[in-house]
Amino acid sequence: MAVKYLTPEIKQQALELYKAHFTSLETASLLGFSYVTIRTIFRGFEDRGVEKYDRFSLMTDELAREGIYGDAEKQAACQR
């Protein structure tokens, strides 16, 4: 079995997934690392105060129009 190392590129991917509100379990599954490893990395992000993206800024306008998330303000903006 090949050993996977936490390269700077993988840490950057983990950071982007963290900012996009992915859970530790989802990120571990996507990147192929254990939950404990990813949770440790995420705790480091939390300790450093890394801010996550606004959830609704990640949503496409099409989803907003369909009202998937129920964000009335974004839905109203899409209807204009």
C-alpha atoms as a PDB file:
ATOM      1  CA  MET A   1       0.000   0.000   0.000  1.00  0.00           C
ATOM      2  CA  ALA A   2       1.355   3.388  -0.973  1.00  0.00           C
ATOM      3  CA  VAL A   3       1.878   6.002   1.680  1.00  0.00           C
ATOM      4  CA  LYS A   4       0.183   9.363   1.138  1.00  0.00           C
ATOM      5  CA  TYR A   5       1.936  12.436   2.436  1.00  0.00           C
ATOM      6  CA  LEU A   6       0.388  15.747   3.381  1.00  0.00           C
ATOM      7  CA  THR A   7       1.947  17.928   0.737  1.00  0.00           C
ATOM      8  CA  PRO A   8       1.379  21.692   0.634  1.00  0.00           C
ATOM      9  CA  GLU A   9      -1.018  21.132  -2.280  1.00  0.00           C
ATOM     10  CA  ILE A  10      -3.145  18.719  -0.265  1.00  0.00           C
ATOM     11  CA  LYS A  11      -3.165  21.093   2.703  1.00  0.00           C
ATOM     12  CA  GLN A  12      -4.343  23.851   0.348  1.00  0.00           C
ATOM     13  CA  GLN A  13      -7.140  21.607  -0.937  1.00  0.00           C
ATOM     14  CA  ALA A  14      -8.140  20.854   2.658  1.00  0.00           C
ATOM     15  CA  LEU A  15      -8.166  24.586   3.411  1.00  0.00           C
ATOM     16  CA  GLU A  16     -10.459  25.327   0.465  1.00  0.00           C
ATOM     17  CA  LEU A  17     -12.817  22.507   1.453  1.00  0.00           C
ATOM     18  CA  TYR A  18     -12.815  23.787   5.055  1.00  0.00           C
ATOM     19  CA  LYS A  19     -13.694  27.296   3.869  1.00  0.00           C
ATOM     20  CA  ALA A  20     -16.499  25.848   1.730  1.00  0.00           C
ATOM     21  CA  HIS A  21     -18.117  24.244   4.814  1.00  0.00           C
ATOM     22  CA  PHE A  22     -17.151  20.643   4.025  1.00  0.00           C
ATOM     23  CA  THR A  23     -17.027  18.445   7.118  1.00  0.00           C
ATOM     24  CA  SER A  24     -13.906  16.623   8.250  1.00  0.00           C
ATOM     25  CA  LEU A  25     -15.450  13.324   7.208  1.00  0.00           C
ATOM     26  CA  GLU A  26     -16.348  14.585   3.717  1.00  0.00           C
ATOM     27  CA  THR A  27     -12.878  16.056   3.260  1.00  0.00           C
ATOM     28  CA  ALA A  28     -11.178  12.873   4.473  1.00  0.00           C
ATOM     29  CA  SER A  29     -13.186  10.869   1.970  1.00  0.00           C
ATOM     30  CA  LEU A  30     -12.395  13.230  -0.910  1.00  0.00           C
ATOM     31  CA  LEU A  31      -8.675  13.491  -0.175  1.00  0.00           C
ATOM     32  CA  GLY A  32      -8.110   9.888   0.890  1.00  0.00           C
ATOM     33  CA  PHE A  33      -6.890  10.569   4.425  1.00  0.00           C
ATOM     34  CA  SER A  34      -8.236   9.454   7.777  1.00  0.00           C
ATOM     35  CA  TYR A  35     -10.884  11.451   9.590  1.00  0.00           C
ATOM     36  CA  VAL A  36      -8.484  12.018  12.501  1.00  0.00           C
ATOM     37  CA  THR A  37      -5.824  13.484  10.211  1.00  0.00           C
ATOM     38  CA  ILE A  38      -8.247  15.882   8.540  1.00  0.00           C
ATOM     39  CA  ARG A  39      -9.906  16.816  11.850  1.00  0.00           C
ATOM     40  CA  THR A  40      -6.474  17.725  13.224  1.00  0.00           C
ATOM     41  CA  ILE A  41      -5.828  19.939  10.204  1.00  0.00           C
ATOM     42  CA  PHE A  42      -9.268  21.555  10.552  1.00  0.00           C
ATOM     43  CA  ARG A  43      -8.601  22.269  14.248  1.00  0.00           C
ATOM     44  CA  GLY A  44      -5.459  24.093  13.178  1.00  0.00           C
ATOM     45  CA  PHE A  45      -7.544  26.206  10.795  1.00  0.00           C
ATOM     46  CA  GLU A  46     -10.004  26.945  13.612  1.00  0.00           C
ATOM     47  CA  ASP A  47      -7.183  27.892  15.993  1.00  0.00           C
ATOM     48  CA  ARG A  48      -5.718  30.269  13.406  1.00  0.00           C
ATOM     49  CA  GLY A  49      -9.127  31.872  12.898  1.00  0.00           C
ATOM     50  CA  VAL A  50      -9.515  30.973   9.218  1.00  0.00           C
ATOM     51  CA  GLU A  51     -12.838  32.360   8.040  1.00  0.00           C
ATOM     52  CA  LYS A  52     -15.225  30.252   6.006  1.00  0.00           C
ATOM     53  CA  TYR A  53     -16.935  31.510   2.879  1.00  0.00           C
ATOM     54  CA  ASP A  54     -20.466  32.817   3.109  1.00  0.00           C
ATOM     55  CA  ARG A  55     -22.600  29.776   2.292  1.00  0.00           C
ATOM     56  CA  PHE A  56     -24.897  31.720   0.000  1.00  0.00           C
ATOM     57  CA  SER A  57     -22.053  33.195  -2.030  1.00  0.00           C
ATOM     58  CA  LEU A  58     -21.180  29.602  -2.987  1.00  0.00           C
ATOM     59  CA  MET A  59     -24.690  28.932  -4.261  1.00  0.00           C
ATOM     60  CA  THR A  60     -25.399  29.309  -7.959  1.00  0.00           C
ATOM     61  CA  ASP A  61     -28.052  31.786  -9.040  1.00  0.00           C
ATOM     62  CA  GLU A  62     -30.053  28.914 -10.517  1.00  0.00           C
ATOM     63  CA  LEU A  63     -30.320  27.221  -7.118  1.00  0.00           C
ATOM     64  CA  ALA A  64     -31.270  30.525  -5.527  1.00  0.00           C
ATOM     65  CA  ARG A  65     -34.089  31.017  -8.039  1.00  0.00           C
ATOM     66  CA  GLU A  66     -35.369  27.526  -7.285  1.00  0.00           C
ATOM     67  CA  GLY A  67     -35.377  28.371  -3.596  1.00  0.00           C
ATOM     68  CA  ILE A  68     -33.298  25.369  -2.596  1.00  0.00           C
ATOM     69  CA  TYR A  69     -31.895  27.069   0.492  1.00  0.00           C
ATOM     70  CA  GLY A  70     -34.772  29.404   1.240  1.00  0.00           C
ATOM     71  CA  ASP A  71     -32.646  32.548   1.265  1.00  0.00           C
ATOM     72  CA  ALA A  72     -35.358  35.105   0.590  1.00  0.00           C
ATOM     73  CA  GLU A  73     -32.914  37.961   0.068  1.00  0.00           C
ATOM     74  CA  LYS A  74     -30.931  36.115  -2.614  1.00  0.00           C
ATOM     75  CA  GLN A  75     -34.127  34.851  -4.251  1.00  0.00           C
ATOM     76  CA  ALA A  76     -35.451  38.408  -4.427  1.00  0.00           C
ATOM     77  CA  ALA A  77     -32.189  39.622  -5.966  1.00  0.00           C
ATOM     78  CA  CYS A  78     -32.389  36.923  -8.651  1.00  0.00           C
ATOM     79  CA  GLN A  79     -35.942  37.901  -9.563  1.00  0.00           C
ATOM     80  CA  ARG A  80     -34.980  41.496 -10.308  1.00  0.00           C
END
